[in-house]
Amino acid sequence: MSDGRKRGLFLLLNFLKNCGYSNEKILEIVNDWNKKNPNPLSENYILRQAKYYLEKRENPYIMPSCNRSEYYDNTNICKPDEICNNKLIKNPLNYPFKKMKHVKSKSS
């Protein structure tokens, strides 16, 4: 990701926290994600953001709706598939559940 890395970090931290991942697992996923970026964010920046979003905030932020272009456009975070294109979800937190349901219905 060359553009929107800080937005991407914000979204990834909050998505994983809202999904119930442990702080340790979130840091592992975020660090792997960051290494794949052509211009990674500094480790200090990631640790400061993680400490704030994962430890200091009592509750994670509610994920911005899918139609909030200021969060998702030009970041390559969101790659719409048939579930998104059929408007079956409005918020990224619903995606994993809709995806599992969709996959099960296709395999039945």
Protein backbone atom coordinates (compact mmCIF):
# COMPACT_ATOMS: atom_id res chain seq x y z
CA MET A 1 0.00 0.00 0.00
CA SER A 2 1.62 3.22 -1.10
CA ASP A 3 -1.17 5.58 -0.10
CA GLY A 4 -3.40 5.51 2.97
CA ARG A 5 -1.12 3.43 5.19
CA LYS A 6 -2.10 5.35 8.32
CA ARG A 7 -5.80 5.01 7.50
CA GLY A 8 -5.16 1.37 6.73
CA LEU A 9 -3.52 0.87 10.11
CA PHE A 10 -6.43 2.57 11.88
CA LEU A 11 -8.95 0.38 10.05
CA LEU A 12 -6.99 -2.83 10.52
CA LEU A 13 -6.44 -2.28 14.25
CA ASN A 14 -10.10 -1.50 14.85
CA PHE A 15 -11.45 -4.24 12.57
CA LEU A 16 -9.40 -6.91 14.31
CA LYS A 17 -10.20 -5.56 17.79
CA ASN A 18 -13.93 -5.48 16.97
CA CYS A 19 -13.65 -9.08 15.74
CA GLY A 20 -12.28 -10.13 19.12
CA TYR A 21 -8.63 -10.83 18.29
CA SER A 22 -6.16 -10.61 21.16
CA ASN A 23 -3.82 -7.63 21.27
CA GLU A 24 -0.85 -9.95 20.65
CA LYS A 25 -2.45 -11.47 17.54
CA ILE A 26 -3.44 -8.02 16.27
CA LEU A 27 0.16 -6.80 16.57
CA GLU A 28 1.38 -9.90 14.73
CA ILE A 29 -1.09 -9.35 11.87
CA VAL A 30 -0.36 -5.61 11.70
CA ASN A 31 3.40 -6.15 11.61
CA ASP A 32 3.03 -8.73 8.80
CA TRP A 33 0.78 -6.29 6.90
CA ASN A 34 3.26 -3.45 7.38
CA LYS A 35 6.18 -5.52 6.05
CA LYS A 36 4.28 -6.01 2.79
CA ASN A 37 3.95 -2.27 2.21
CA PRO A 38 6.46 -0.82 -0.29
CA ASN A 39 7.19 1.96 2.20
CA PRO A 40 6.41 0.51 5.66
CA LEU A 41 5.35 2.68 8.56
CA SER A 42 7.92 3.00 11.33
CA GLU A 43 7.74 0.44 14.12
CA ASN A 44 7.48 3.28 16.65
CA TYR A 45 4.45 4.73 14.86
CA ILE A 46 2.73 1.34 14.81
CA LEU A 47 3.48 0.72 18.48
CA ARG A 48 2.16 4.17 19.50
CA GLN A 49 -1.05 3.67 17.49
CA ALA A 50 -1.50 0.12 18.75
CA LYS A 51 -0.98 1.18 22.33
CA TYR A 52 -3.64 3.87 21.98
CA TYR A 53 -6.24 1.87 20.04
CA LEU A 54 -5.72 -1.46 21.80
CA GLU A 55 -4.84 -0.53 25.36
CA LYS A 56 -5.89 3.02 26.23
CA ARG A 57 -9.29 3.08 24.56
CA GLU A 58 -11.89 1.30 26.60
CA ASN A 59 -13.91 0.32 23.53
CA PRO A 60 -12.76 -0.01 19.92
CA TYR A 61 -14.02 2.51 17.42
CA ILE A 62 -17.05 1.52 15.43
CA MET A 63 -15.90 0.73 11.92
CA PRO A 64 -16.77 3.35 9.31
CA SER A 65 -19.49 2.25 6.91
CA CYS A 66 -18.45 0.92 3.52
CA ASN A 67 -19.79 4.03 1.79
CA ARG A 68 -17.31 6.30 3.64
CA SER A 69 -14.98 6.93 0.72
CA GLU A 70 -12.58 9.04 2.81
CA TYR A 71 -11.60 5.84 4.63
CA TYR A 72 -11.58 3.28 1.85
CA ASP A 73 -10.87 4.99 -1.50
CA ASN A 74 -7.29 4.90 -2.78
CA THR A 75 -6.10 2.57 -0.05
CA ASN A 76 -6.60 -0.86 -1.66
CA ILE A 77 -7.95 -2.05 1.68
CA CYS A 78 -11.33 -2.91 0.28
CA LYS A 79 -11.55 -5.24 -2.70
CA PRO A 80 -15.27 -5.63 -3.38
CA ASP A 81 -16.49 -9.06 -4.39
CA GLU A 82 -19.96 -10.40 -5.20
CA ILE A 83 -21.10 -9.93 -1.60
CA CYS A 84 -20.14 -6.25 -1.62
CA ASN A 85 -21.33 -5.64 -5.15
CA ASN A 86 -24.76 -7.07 -4.29
CA LYS A 87 -24.98 -4.59 -1.39
CA LEU A 88 -25.36 -7.38 1.16
CA ILE A 89 -23.25 -5.46 3.68
CA LYS A 90 -23.00 -1.87 4.80
CA ASN A 91 -20.19 -2.21 7.33
CA PRO A 92 -16.91 -4.15 7.06
CA LEU A 93 -17.60 -5.94 10.34
CA ASN A 94 -20.52 -7.74 8.69
CA TYR A 95 -18.37 -9.00 5.82
CA PRO A 96 -16.81 -12.12 7.45
CA PHE A 97 -20.22 -13.35 8.59
CA LYS A 98 -21.91 -12.74 5.23
CA LYS A 99 -18.95 -14.36 3.46
CA MET A 100 -19.16 -17.52 5.59
CA LYS A 101 -22.91 -17.74 5.05
CA HIS A 102 -22.45 -17.21 1.30
CA VAL A 103 -19.73 -19.89 1.04
CA LYS A 104 -21.86 -22.39 3.00
CA SER A 105 -24.89 -21.77 0.78
CA LYS A 106 -22.81 -22.32 -2.38
CA SER A 107 -21.35 -25.60 -1.07
CA SER A 108 -24.75 -27.01 -0.05
